[in-house]
N, C-alpha and C. Protein backbone atom coordinates (compact mmCIF):
# COMPACT_ATOMS: atom_id res chain seq x y z
N MET A 1 -79.69 -157.25 -142.11
CA MET A 1 -78.83 -157.35 -143.28
C MET A 1 -79.70 -157.37 -144.52
N LEU A 2 -79.22 -156.74 -145.58
CA LEU A 2 -79.90 -156.73 -146.88
C LEU A 2 -79.12 -157.63 -147.82
N VAL A 3 -79.85 -158.45 -148.59
CA VAL A 3 -79.22 -159.34 -149.58
C VAL A 3 -79.86 -159.07 -150.93
N LEU A 4 -79.05 -158.79 -151.92
CA LEU A 4 -79.51 -158.63 -153.29
C LEU A 4 -79.51 -160.01 -153.93
N ALA A 5 -80.69 -160.49 -154.32
CA ALA A 5 -80.82 -161.81 -154.94
C ALA A 5 -80.51 -161.68 -156.42
N SER A 6 -79.24 -161.42 -156.70
CA SER A 6 -78.80 -161.21 -158.07
C SER A 6 -77.27 -161.13 -158.10
N THR A 7 -76.71 -161.54 -159.19
CA THR A 7 -75.28 -161.31 -159.40
C THR A 7 -75.07 -160.31 -160.54
N SER A 8 -76.13 -159.61 -160.91
CA SER A 8 -76.06 -158.59 -161.96
C SER A 8 -75.18 -157.43 -161.50
N ALA A 9 -74.16 -157.14 -162.28
CA ALA A 9 -73.29 -156.00 -161.96
C ALA A 9 -74.08 -154.70 -162.05
N TYR A 10 -75.05 -154.61 -162.96
CA TYR A 10 -75.85 -153.40 -163.13
C TYR A 10 -76.68 -153.12 -161.88
N ARG A 11 -77.34 -154.15 -161.35
CA ARG A 11 -78.17 -153.97 -160.16
C ARG A 11 -77.30 -153.69 -158.93
N ARG A 12 -76.16 -154.34 -158.84
CA ARG A 12 -75.26 -154.11 -157.70
C ARG A 12 -74.82 -152.65 -157.67
N VAL A 13 -74.39 -152.12 -158.81
CA VAL A 13 -73.93 -150.73 -158.88
C VAL A 13 -75.07 -149.77 -158.52
N LEU A 14 -76.27 -150.06 -159.01
CA LEU A 14 -77.42 -149.21 -158.67
C LEU A 14 -77.69 -149.23 -157.16
N LEU A 15 -77.77 -150.41 -156.57
CA LEU A 15 -78.08 -150.51 -155.15
C LEU A 15 -77.00 -149.85 -154.28
N GLU A 16 -75.76 -149.89 -154.72
CA GLU A 16 -74.67 -149.23 -153.99
C GLU A 16 -74.91 -147.73 -153.85
N ARG A 17 -75.65 -147.15 -154.79
CA ARG A 17 -75.92 -145.71 -154.76
C ARG A 17 -76.71 -145.30 -153.52
N LEU A 18 -77.44 -146.24 -152.91
CA LEU A 18 -78.23 -145.91 -151.72
C LEU A 18 -77.40 -145.87 -150.44
N GLY A 19 -76.15 -146.32 -150.51
CA GLY A 19 -75.22 -146.17 -149.38
C GLY A 19 -75.47 -147.09 -148.20
N ILE A 20 -76.13 -148.21 -148.41
CA ILE A 20 -76.33 -149.16 -147.31
C ILE A 20 -75.58 -150.45 -147.66
N PRO A 21 -75.02 -151.11 -146.65
CA PRO A 21 -74.30 -152.35 -146.94
C PRO A 21 -75.27 -153.47 -147.33
N PHE A 22 -74.80 -154.34 -148.22
CA PHE A 22 -75.60 -155.48 -148.64
C PHE A 22 -74.69 -156.58 -149.17
N ALA A 23 -75.21 -157.78 -149.15
CA ALA A 23 -74.52 -158.92 -149.75
C ALA A 23 -75.25 -159.26 -151.05
N THR A 24 -74.62 -160.07 -151.87
CA THR A 24 -75.28 -160.55 -153.09
C THR A 24 -75.27 -162.07 -153.09
N GLU A 25 -76.30 -162.62 -153.69
CA GLU A 25 -76.38 -164.07 -153.80
C GLU A 25 -77.14 -164.44 -155.07
N ARG A 26 -76.62 -165.42 -155.78
CA ARG A 26 -77.27 -165.90 -157.00
C ARG A 26 -78.52 -166.68 -156.64
N PRO A 27 -79.68 -166.33 -157.24
CA PRO A 27 -80.92 -167.01 -156.87
C PRO A 27 -81.19 -168.32 -157.60
N ASP A 28 -80.53 -168.61 -158.70
CA ASP A 28 -80.75 -169.85 -159.45
C ASP A 28 -82.23 -170.13 -159.68
N VAL A 29 -82.86 -169.29 -160.49
CA VAL A 29 -84.27 -169.41 -160.83
C VAL A 29 -84.39 -169.60 -162.34
N ASP A 30 -85.23 -170.54 -162.75
CA ASP A 30 -85.52 -170.75 -164.17
C ASP A 30 -86.32 -169.56 -164.67
N GLU A 31 -85.81 -168.83 -165.66
CA GLU A 31 -86.46 -167.61 -166.12
C GLU A 31 -87.33 -167.83 -167.35
N THR A 32 -87.66 -169.06 -167.66
CA THR A 32 -88.51 -169.36 -168.80
C THR A 32 -89.93 -168.89 -168.54
N ALA A 33 -90.51 -168.22 -169.51
CA ALA A 33 -91.89 -167.75 -169.38
C ALA A 33 -92.85 -168.93 -169.45
N ASP A 34 -93.91 -168.85 -168.66
CA ASP A 34 -94.97 -169.85 -168.73
C ASP A 34 -95.80 -169.58 -169.98
N ALA A 35 -96.51 -170.59 -170.46
CA ALA A 35 -97.37 -170.43 -171.63
C ALA A 35 -98.38 -169.32 -171.36
N ASN A 36 -98.51 -168.42 -172.31
CA ASN A 36 -99.47 -167.31 -172.24
C ASN A 36 -99.23 -166.33 -171.09
N GLU A 37 -98.03 -166.34 -170.50
CA GLU A 37 -97.72 -165.41 -169.42
C GLU A 37 -97.40 -164.04 -170.02
N SER A 38 -98.02 -163.00 -169.49
CA SER A 38 -97.76 -161.65 -169.99
C SER A 38 -96.37 -161.20 -169.52
N PRO A 39 -95.78 -160.23 -170.22
CA PRO A 39 -94.46 -159.73 -169.81
C PRO A 39 -94.44 -159.20 -168.38
N ILE A 40 -95.46 -158.45 -167.96
CA ILE A 40 -95.46 -157.92 -166.59
C ILE A 40 -95.62 -159.03 -165.57
N ASP A 41 -96.47 -160.02 -165.88
CA ASP A 41 -96.63 -161.15 -164.95
C ASP A 41 -95.35 -161.95 -164.82
N LEU A 42 -94.63 -162.11 -165.92
CA LEU A 42 -93.35 -162.82 -165.89
C LEU A 42 -92.36 -162.07 -164.99
N ALA A 43 -92.25 -160.76 -165.18
CA ALA A 43 -91.32 -159.97 -164.38
C ALA A 43 -91.66 -160.06 -162.89
N LYS A 44 -92.94 -159.96 -162.54
CA LYS A 44 -93.36 -160.05 -161.14
C LYS A 44 -93.08 -161.43 -160.57
N ARG A 45 -93.41 -162.47 -161.33
CA ARG A 45 -93.19 -163.84 -160.84
C ARG A 45 -91.70 -164.10 -160.59
N LEU A 46 -90.85 -163.65 -161.51
CA LEU A 46 -89.42 -163.91 -161.36
C LEU A 46 -88.81 -163.11 -160.22
N ALA A 47 -89.23 -161.87 -160.04
CA ALA A 47 -88.71 -161.07 -158.92
C ALA A 47 -89.07 -161.74 -157.59
N GLU A 48 -90.30 -162.20 -157.48
CA GLU A 48 -90.74 -162.87 -156.26
C GLU A 48 -90.00 -164.20 -156.07
N ALA A 49 -89.85 -164.96 -157.14
CA ALA A 49 -89.17 -166.26 -157.06
C ALA A 49 -87.72 -166.10 -156.62
N LYS A 50 -87.05 -165.08 -157.12
CA LYS A 50 -85.66 -164.85 -156.74
C LYS A 50 -85.53 -164.57 -155.24
N THR A 51 -86.43 -163.76 -154.71
CA THR A 51 -86.36 -163.48 -153.27
C THR A 51 -86.72 -164.71 -152.45
N ARG A 52 -87.69 -165.47 -152.91
CA ARG A 52 -88.11 -166.67 -152.17
C ARG A 52 -86.97 -167.68 -152.08
N VAL A 53 -86.27 -167.89 -153.19
CA VAL A 53 -85.17 -168.87 -153.21
C VAL A 53 -84.07 -168.47 -152.23
N VAL A 54 -83.67 -167.22 -152.25
CA VAL A 54 -82.59 -166.77 -151.36
C VAL A 54 -83.07 -166.71 -149.91
N ALA A 55 -84.30 -166.27 -149.69
CA ALA A 55 -84.82 -166.13 -148.33
C ALA A 55 -84.99 -167.47 -147.61
N THR A 56 -85.09 -168.57 -148.35
CA THR A 56 -85.29 -169.87 -147.69
C THR A 56 -84.14 -170.20 -146.75
N HIS A 57 -82.93 -169.76 -147.06
CA HIS A 57 -81.80 -170.02 -146.16
C HIS A 57 -81.26 -168.73 -145.52
N ARG A 58 -82.01 -167.62 -145.68
CA ARG A 58 -81.65 -166.35 -145.02
C ARG A 58 -82.92 -165.71 -144.47
N PRO A 59 -83.66 -166.42 -143.62
CA PRO A 59 -84.99 -165.94 -143.20
C PRO A 59 -84.96 -164.67 -142.34
N THR A 60 -83.84 -164.36 -141.72
CA THR A 60 -83.78 -163.16 -140.87
C THR A 60 -83.24 -161.95 -141.63
N ASP A 61 -82.85 -162.12 -142.87
CA ASP A 61 -82.35 -161.02 -143.69
C ASP A 61 -83.47 -160.51 -144.60
N TRP A 62 -83.37 -159.25 -144.95
CA TRP A 62 -84.23 -158.70 -146.00
C TRP A 62 -83.59 -159.06 -147.33
N VAL A 63 -84.38 -159.63 -148.23
CA VAL A 63 -83.88 -160.05 -149.54
C VAL A 63 -84.62 -159.24 -150.60
N ILE A 64 -83.84 -158.69 -151.53
CA ILE A 64 -84.43 -157.92 -152.62
C ILE A 64 -84.11 -158.60 -153.94
N GLY A 65 -85.14 -158.81 -154.73
CA GLY A 65 -84.98 -159.42 -156.05
C GLY A 65 -85.67 -158.56 -157.09
N SER A 66 -85.15 -158.60 -158.30
CA SER A 66 -85.71 -157.79 -159.37
C SER A 66 -85.62 -158.56 -160.68
N ASP A 67 -86.54 -158.27 -161.57
CA ASP A 67 -86.46 -158.82 -162.91
C ASP A 67 -87.05 -157.80 -163.88
N GLN A 68 -86.49 -157.79 -165.07
CA GLN A 68 -86.95 -156.86 -166.09
C GLN A 68 -87.28 -157.64 -167.35
N VAL A 69 -88.41 -157.31 -167.95
CA VAL A 69 -88.83 -157.95 -169.19
C VAL A 69 -89.11 -156.86 -170.22
N ALA A 70 -88.48 -156.97 -171.36
CA ALA A 70 -88.70 -156.04 -172.47
C ALA A 70 -89.83 -156.59 -173.34
N ASP A 71 -90.77 -155.73 -173.68
CA ASP A 71 -92.00 -156.11 -174.37
C ASP A 71 -92.16 -155.30 -175.65
N LEU A 72 -92.04 -155.96 -176.79
CA LEU A 72 -92.26 -155.32 -178.08
C LEU A 72 -93.57 -155.87 -178.65
N ASP A 73 -94.64 -155.14 -178.43
CA ASP A 73 -95.97 -155.55 -178.90
C ASP A 73 -96.34 -156.95 -178.44
N GLY A 74 -96.05 -157.26 -177.18
CA GLY A 74 -96.39 -158.57 -176.62
C GLY A 74 -95.31 -159.62 -176.79
N ARG A 75 -94.31 -159.33 -177.58
CA ARG A 75 -93.17 -160.25 -177.78
C ARG A 75 -92.10 -159.93 -176.75
N ILE A 76 -91.69 -160.94 -176.00
CA ILE A 76 -90.65 -160.74 -174.98
C ILE A 76 -89.28 -160.74 -175.64
N LEU A 77 -88.53 -159.68 -175.39
CA LEU A 77 -87.16 -159.57 -175.89
C LEU A 77 -86.22 -159.90 -174.74
N GLY A 78 -85.62 -161.04 -174.79
CA GLY A 78 -84.70 -161.45 -173.73
C GLY A 78 -83.30 -160.89 -173.97
N LYS A 79 -82.36 -161.39 -173.21
CA LYS A 79 -80.96 -161.04 -173.40
C LYS A 79 -80.51 -161.71 -174.69
N PRO A 80 -79.88 -160.97 -175.60
CA PRO A 80 -79.57 -161.55 -176.91
C PRO A 80 -78.50 -162.63 -176.87
N GLY A 81 -77.53 -162.52 -175.99
CA GLY A 81 -76.50 -163.54 -175.88
C GLY A 81 -75.41 -163.44 -176.93
N GLY A 82 -75.65 -162.72 -178.01
CA GLY A 82 -74.63 -162.60 -179.05
C GLY A 82 -75.05 -161.62 -180.13
N PHE A 83 -74.15 -161.43 -181.08
CA PHE A 83 -74.30 -160.41 -182.12
C PHE A 83 -75.53 -160.62 -182.99
N ALA A 84 -75.74 -161.80 -183.53
CA ALA A 84 -76.84 -162.03 -184.48
C ALA A 84 -78.20 -161.76 -183.84
N ASN A 85 -78.41 -162.25 -182.64
CA ASN A 85 -79.69 -162.00 -181.96
C ASN A 85 -79.87 -160.53 -181.64
N ALA A 86 -78.79 -159.85 -181.27
CA ALA A 86 -78.86 -158.43 -180.96
C ALA A 86 -79.22 -157.61 -182.20
N VAL A 87 -78.65 -157.96 -183.35
CA VAL A 87 -79.00 -157.28 -184.60
C VAL A 87 -80.49 -157.46 -184.87
N GLU A 88 -80.99 -158.67 -184.70
CA GLU A 88 -82.41 -158.95 -184.95
C GLU A 88 -83.28 -158.14 -184.00
N GLN A 89 -82.92 -158.08 -182.72
CA GLN A 89 -83.73 -157.34 -181.76
C GLN A 89 -83.74 -155.84 -182.07
N LEU A 90 -82.58 -155.26 -182.28
CA LEU A 90 -82.54 -153.82 -182.53
C LEU A 90 -83.20 -153.46 -183.86
N SER A 91 -83.09 -154.33 -184.84
CA SER A 91 -83.78 -154.09 -186.11
C SER A 91 -85.29 -154.09 -185.90
N ALA A 92 -85.79 -155.00 -185.08
CA ALA A 92 -87.22 -155.08 -184.78
C ALA A 92 -87.68 -153.85 -183.98
N CYS A 93 -86.80 -153.29 -183.16
CA CYS A 93 -87.15 -152.14 -182.33
C CYS A 93 -87.12 -150.82 -183.10
N SER A 94 -86.45 -150.79 -184.22
CA SER A 94 -86.26 -149.57 -185.00
C SER A 94 -87.59 -148.87 -185.29
N GLY A 95 -87.68 -147.60 -184.86
CA GLY A 95 -88.87 -146.80 -185.11
C GLY A 95 -90.08 -147.18 -184.27
N ARG A 96 -89.89 -148.02 -183.27
CA ARG A 96 -91.03 -148.52 -182.48
C ARG A 96 -90.81 -148.24 -180.99
N THR A 97 -91.85 -148.52 -180.21
CA THR A 97 -91.79 -148.34 -178.76
C THR A 97 -91.71 -149.70 -178.08
N VAL A 98 -90.76 -149.83 -177.17
CA VAL A 98 -90.60 -151.04 -176.38
C VAL A 98 -90.94 -150.68 -174.93
N VAL A 99 -91.73 -151.53 -174.29
CA VAL A 99 -92.12 -151.32 -172.91
C VAL A 99 -91.26 -152.23 -172.03
N PHE A 100 -90.64 -151.64 -171.02
CA PHE A 100 -89.81 -152.39 -170.07
C PHE A 100 -90.54 -152.48 -168.75
N HIS A 101 -90.87 -153.71 -168.35
CA HIS A 101 -91.53 -153.98 -167.07
C HIS A 101 -90.44 -154.39 -166.09
N THR A 102 -90.26 -153.61 -165.04
CA THR A 102 -89.27 -153.92 -164.02
C THR A 102 -90.00 -154.18 -162.71
N ALA A 103 -89.94 -155.41 -162.25
CA ALA A 103 -90.60 -155.80 -161.01
C ALA A 103 -89.56 -156.01 -159.93
N VAL A 104 -89.93 -155.65 -158.70
CA VAL A 104 -89.04 -155.80 -157.54
C VAL A 104 -89.85 -156.40 -156.41
N CYS A 105 -89.18 -157.22 -155.62
CA CYS A 105 -89.80 -157.78 -154.43
C CYS A 105 -88.80 -157.68 -153.28
N LEU A 106 -89.25 -157.12 -152.17
CA LEU A 106 -88.46 -157.05 -150.95
C LEU A 106 -89.13 -157.99 -149.95
N ARG A 107 -88.37 -158.93 -149.39
CA ARG A 107 -88.96 -160.01 -148.60
C ARG A 107 -88.17 -160.24 -147.30
N HIS A 108 -88.92 -160.51 -146.23
CA HIS A 108 -88.33 -160.84 -144.93
C HIS A 108 -89.15 -161.99 -144.36
N ASP A 109 -88.64 -163.21 -144.47
CA ASP A 109 -89.41 -164.39 -144.08
C ASP A 109 -89.70 -164.44 -142.58
N ALA A 110 -88.76 -164.02 -141.74
CA ALA A 110 -88.96 -164.12 -140.30
C ALA A 110 -90.17 -163.31 -139.83
N SER A 111 -90.45 -162.20 -140.47
CA SER A 111 -91.61 -161.38 -140.10
C SER A 111 -92.77 -161.57 -141.07
N ASN A 112 -92.60 -162.48 -142.03
CA ASN A 112 -93.65 -162.77 -143.02
C ASN A 112 -94.08 -161.51 -143.78
N ARG A 113 -93.10 -160.68 -144.13
CA ARG A 113 -93.39 -159.44 -144.88
C ARG A 113 -92.85 -159.55 -146.29
N THR A 114 -93.68 -159.12 -147.22
CA THR A 114 -93.28 -159.05 -148.63
C THR A 114 -93.77 -157.71 -149.18
N LEU A 115 -92.87 -156.98 -149.81
CA LEU A 115 -93.19 -155.68 -150.40
C LEU A 115 -92.90 -155.74 -151.90
N PRO A 116 -93.89 -156.11 -152.71
CA PRO A 116 -93.68 -156.17 -154.16
C PRO A 116 -94.10 -154.86 -154.84
N PHE A 117 -93.44 -154.50 -155.92
CA PHE A 117 -93.85 -153.34 -156.71
C PHE A 117 -93.27 -153.48 -158.11
N ALA A 118 -93.78 -152.67 -159.03
CA ALA A 118 -93.32 -152.75 -160.42
C ALA A 118 -93.28 -151.36 -161.02
N ASP A 119 -92.47 -151.21 -162.04
CA ASP A 119 -92.31 -149.94 -162.74
C ASP A 119 -92.40 -150.21 -164.24
N VAL A 120 -92.94 -149.26 -164.97
CA VAL A 120 -93.05 -149.39 -166.42
C VAL A 120 -92.30 -148.23 -167.07
N THR A 121 -91.45 -148.55 -168.02
CA THR A 121 -90.70 -147.56 -168.78
C THR A 121 -90.95 -147.81 -170.26
N ARG A 122 -91.27 -146.75 -170.99
CA ARG A 122 -91.49 -146.86 -172.44
C ARG A 122 -90.31 -146.19 -173.15
N VAL A 123 -89.72 -146.93 -174.07
CA VAL A 123 -88.58 -146.43 -174.83
C VAL A 123 -88.98 -146.38 -176.30
N ARG A 124 -88.94 -145.17 -176.86
CA ARG A 124 -89.24 -145.01 -178.28
C ARG A 124 -87.91 -144.94 -179.04
N PHE A 125 -87.68 -145.95 -179.86
CA PHE A 125 -86.45 -146.01 -180.66
C PHE A 125 -86.58 -145.13 -181.89
N ARG A 126 -85.52 -144.51 -182.28
CA ARG A 126 -85.52 -143.80 -183.55
C ARG A 126 -85.32 -144.81 -184.67
N ARG A 127 -85.49 -144.43 -185.89
CA ARG A 127 -85.24 -145.33 -187.02
C ARG A 127 -83.74 -145.62 -187.07
N LEU A 128 -83.42 -146.90 -187.03
CA LEU A 128 -82.02 -147.31 -186.99
C LEU A 128 -81.63 -147.96 -188.30
N HIS A 129 -80.48 -147.58 -188.81
CA HIS A 129 -79.95 -148.17 -190.04
C HIS A 129 -79.05 -149.35 -189.68
N ALA A 130 -78.95 -150.31 -190.57
CA ALA A 130 -78.19 -151.54 -190.31
C ALA A 130 -76.75 -151.24 -189.88
N LEU A 131 -76.11 -150.29 -190.52
CA LEU A 131 -74.72 -149.96 -190.18
C LEU A 131 -74.62 -149.36 -188.78
N GLU A 132 -75.59 -148.52 -188.40
CA GLU A 132 -75.61 -147.96 -187.04
C GLU A 132 -75.73 -149.07 -186.00
N ILE A 133 -76.63 -150.01 -186.26
CA ILE A 133 -76.84 -151.12 -185.34
C ILE A 133 -75.55 -151.92 -185.19
N GLU A 134 -74.91 -152.24 -186.30
CA GLU A 134 -73.68 -153.03 -186.25
C GLU A 134 -72.58 -152.29 -185.51
N ARG A 135 -72.41 -150.99 -185.79
CA ARG A 135 -71.37 -150.21 -185.10
C ARG A 135 -71.64 -150.13 -183.61
N TYR A 136 -72.91 -149.90 -183.25
CA TYR A 136 -73.25 -149.83 -181.84
C TYR A 136 -72.93 -151.15 -181.14
N LEU A 137 -73.37 -152.24 -181.72
CA LEU A 137 -73.17 -153.55 -181.09
C LEU A 137 -71.70 -153.92 -180.98
N GLN A 138 -70.91 -153.58 -181.98
CA GLN A 138 -69.48 -153.86 -181.91
C GLN A 138 -68.81 -153.03 -180.81
N ALA A 139 -69.29 -151.81 -180.61
CA ALA A 139 -68.68 -150.93 -179.61
C ALA A 139 -69.08 -151.31 -178.18
N GLU A 140 -70.37 -151.63 -177.97
CA GLU A 140 -70.84 -151.81 -176.60
C GLU A 140 -71.09 -153.26 -176.20
N GLN A 141 -71.34 -154.13 -177.14
CA GLN A 141 -71.55 -155.56 -176.89
C GLN A 141 -72.52 -155.83 -175.73
N PRO A 142 -73.79 -155.42 -175.88
CA PRO A 142 -74.77 -155.57 -174.80
C PRO A 142 -75.46 -156.94 -174.79
N TRP A 143 -74.68 -157.99 -174.84
CA TRP A 143 -75.23 -159.35 -174.97
C TRP A 143 -76.02 -159.79 -173.74
N ASP A 144 -75.77 -159.15 -172.59
CA ASP A 144 -76.46 -159.53 -171.36
C ASP A 144 -77.56 -158.55 -170.97
N CYS A 145 -78.05 -157.78 -171.93
CA CYS A 145 -79.06 -156.75 -171.66
C CYS A 145 -80.34 -157.00 -172.46
N ALA A 146 -81.46 -157.08 -171.77
CA ALA A 146 -82.75 -157.24 -172.45
C ALA A 146 -82.95 -156.09 -173.42
N GLY A 147 -83.26 -156.40 -174.67
CA GLY A 147 -83.45 -155.37 -175.68
C GLY A 147 -82.20 -155.00 -176.44
N SER A 148 -81.06 -155.55 -176.03
CA SER A 148 -79.79 -155.37 -176.76
C SER A 148 -79.19 -153.97 -176.71
N PHE A 149 -79.35 -153.26 -175.60
CA PHE A 149 -78.72 -151.95 -175.47
C PHE A 149 -78.44 -151.66 -174.01
N LYS A 150 -77.56 -150.67 -173.79
CA LYS A 150 -77.26 -150.18 -172.45
C LYS A 150 -77.60 -148.69 -172.44
N SER A 151 -78.71 -148.34 -171.79
CA SER A 151 -79.13 -146.94 -171.76
C SER A 151 -78.14 -146.07 -170.98
N GLU A 152 -77.40 -146.69 -170.06
CA GLU A 152 -76.42 -145.93 -169.27
C GLU A 152 -75.13 -145.72 -170.06
N GLY A 153 -75.07 -146.26 -171.25
CA GLY A 153 -73.91 -146.10 -172.13
C GLY A 153 -74.32 -145.46 -173.44
N MET A 154 -73.70 -145.89 -174.53
CA MET A 154 -73.98 -145.32 -175.85
C MET A 154 -75.38 -145.67 -176.36
N GLY A 155 -76.02 -146.64 -175.75
CA GLY A 155 -77.36 -147.04 -176.18
C GLY A 155 -78.37 -145.92 -176.12
N ILE A 156 -78.12 -144.92 -175.30
CA ILE A 156 -79.04 -143.78 -175.18
C ILE A 156 -79.20 -143.08 -176.53
N ALA A 157 -78.20 -143.16 -177.40
CA ALA A 157 -78.26 -142.51 -178.71
C ALA A 157 -79.19 -143.23 -179.68
N LEU A 158 -79.69 -144.40 -179.31
CA LEU A 158 -80.61 -145.15 -180.17
C LEU A 158 -82.05 -144.68 -180.02
N PHE A 159 -82.32 -143.82 -179.05
CA PHE A 159 -83.69 -143.47 -178.69
C PHE A 159 -84.13 -142.11 -179.21
N GLU A 160 -85.45 -141.98 -179.35
CA GLU A 160 -86.09 -140.67 -179.55
C GLU A 160 -86.56 -140.13 -178.22
N ALA A 161 -87.08 -141.03 -177.36
CA ALA A 161 -87.62 -140.59 -176.08
C ALA A 161 -87.71 -141.75 -175.10
N ILE A 162 -87.70 -141.41 -173.82
CA ILE A 162 -87.92 -142.37 -172.73
C ILE A 162 -89.01 -141.78 -171.86
N GLU A 163 -90.03 -142.59 -171.59
CA GLU A 163 -91.10 -142.16 -170.68
C GLU A 163 -91.03 -143.04 -169.44
N THR A 164 -90.71 -142.43 -168.29
CA THR A 164 -90.57 -143.19 -167.06
C THR A 164 -90.71 -142.27 -165.86
N ARG A 165 -91.08 -142.84 -164.73
CA ARG A 165 -91.06 -142.05 -163.50
C ARG A 165 -89.75 -142.24 -162.76
N ASP A 166 -88.94 -143.23 -163.20
CA ASP A 166 -87.68 -143.53 -162.53
C ASP A 166 -86.66 -143.99 -163.57
N PRO A 167 -85.70 -143.15 -163.93
CA PRO A 167 -84.75 -143.52 -164.98
C PRO A 167 -83.88 -144.73 -164.63
N THR A 168 -83.71 -145.04 -163.34
CA THR A 168 -82.90 -146.21 -162.98
C THR A 168 -83.64 -147.52 -163.27
N ALA A 169 -84.95 -147.46 -163.45
CA ALA A 169 -85.72 -148.67 -163.76
C ALA A 169 -85.25 -149.30 -165.06
N LEU A 170 -84.90 -148.47 -166.04
CA LEU A 170 -84.47 -148.99 -167.33
C LEU A 170 -83.16 -149.75 -167.22
N VAL A 171 -82.34 -149.44 -166.24
CA VAL A 171 -81.08 -150.15 -166.03
C VAL A 171 -81.33 -151.47 -165.26
N GLY A 172 -82.47 -151.55 -164.55
CA GLY A 172 -82.82 -152.82 -163.93
C GLY A 172 -83.23 -152.80 -162.48
N LEU A 173 -83.20 -151.61 -161.83
CA LEU A 173 -83.60 -151.53 -160.43
C LEU A 173 -84.12 -150.12 -160.16
N PRO A 174 -85.44 -149.93 -160.05
CA PRO A 174 -86.02 -148.59 -159.86
C PRO A 174 -85.74 -148.05 -158.46
N LEU A 175 -84.69 -147.25 -158.33
CA LEU A 175 -84.21 -146.85 -157.02
C LEU A 175 -85.16 -145.96 -156.23
N ILE A 176 -86.01 -145.20 -156.90
CA ILE A 176 -86.96 -144.36 -156.16
C ILE A 176 -87.87 -145.26 -155.33
N ALA A 177 -88.46 -146.27 -155.96
CA ALA A 177 -89.35 -147.19 -155.26
C ALA A 177 -88.58 -148.10 -154.31
N VAL A 178 -87.37 -148.51 -154.69
CA VAL A 178 -86.55 -149.36 -153.81
C VAL A 178 -86.24 -148.61 -152.51
N ALA A 179 -85.84 -147.34 -152.63
CA ALA A 179 -85.53 -146.55 -151.44
C ALA A 179 -86.76 -146.42 -150.54
N GLN A 180 -87.91 -146.20 -151.14
CA GLN A 180 -89.15 -146.09 -150.36
C GLN A 180 -89.45 -147.40 -149.63
N ALA A 181 -89.32 -148.53 -150.32
CA ALA A 181 -89.59 -149.84 -149.71
C ALA A 181 -88.58 -150.13 -148.60
N LEU A 182 -87.32 -149.80 -148.81
CA LEU A 182 -86.31 -150.04 -147.78
C LEU A 182 -86.56 -149.18 -146.54
N ARG A 183 -86.99 -147.93 -146.74
CA ARG A 183 -87.36 -147.08 -145.59
C ARG A 183 -88.52 -147.71 -144.83
N GLU A 184 -89.52 -148.21 -145.58
CA GLU A 184 -90.66 -148.86 -144.95
C GLU A 184 -90.23 -150.10 -144.16
N ALA A 185 -89.17 -150.78 -144.64
CA ALA A 185 -88.66 -151.97 -143.95
C ALA A 185 -87.75 -151.62 -142.76
N GLY A 186 -87.46 -150.33 -142.56
CA GLY A 186 -86.67 -149.92 -141.42
C GLY A 186 -85.24 -149.55 -141.71
N PHE A 187 -84.84 -149.52 -142.97
CA PHE A 187 -83.47 -149.14 -143.32
C PHE A 187 -83.35 -147.61 -143.31
N ASN A 188 -82.17 -147.12 -142.91
CA ASN A 188 -81.90 -145.68 -142.94
C ASN A 188 -81.43 -145.28 -144.32
N ILE A 189 -82.35 -144.72 -145.09
CA ILE A 189 -82.04 -144.24 -146.43
C ILE A 189 -82.23 -142.73 -146.39
N PRO A 190 -81.26 -141.96 -146.83
CA PRO A 190 -81.40 -140.48 -146.79
C PRO A 190 -82.64 -140.02 -147.54
C-alpha cells in the first residue's frame, strides 16, 4: 500500500495521475525552519520528517512525503495565508527569479528503505504592477501556496519563464522522479 503523507489537494491530484491506489494521512510536522537552515535543506528535512511520522504506525506501507520551499535570494517565501502577505510576496518577486526546492522522500520502514530526491525549478517573474497583483490575488486567492501563486491556474501569466526538468515539481510533487522511485520500490507504473 502507498500512503501520501500529506493532506494537500494539489499533491493528491498529482499523485492520482500515476493511476495507483493510495491513502492520505496528515503528518503533523512542525515546518519551522531551523536557524541558518538553507531552503533546500529545509525542504529535504521536512519531506523526510513527514514520511518518518506517518511510517511509525504504518511500517509495512510505502510512505511518500514532499515539501516545497520557495527561495528568493535566500529568503524563504512561505504560504502567505492572506491577501496582505501575498501582495508583499508577489511585489518582492516582481522582475526577479524565485527558486523552488521540492524534496520528496519515499520510505518503507519494514525493509529499512528510504529513497530521497529533490528537484529545483527556477521561475522568472515578469515586472508586475500593483493593480495586476491585486486583480490576480482577488481572482485566484492562492493563500495556501508558497510564493503566492498557482502555476496550474492563472498564476502562469505572472511569469516570463520557467526552468525545470519536471513541470509538476512547481505544483508540489515532481512526478517524473516520483514515478521512477515508485517503480524502483516495486509499484507498477506505466
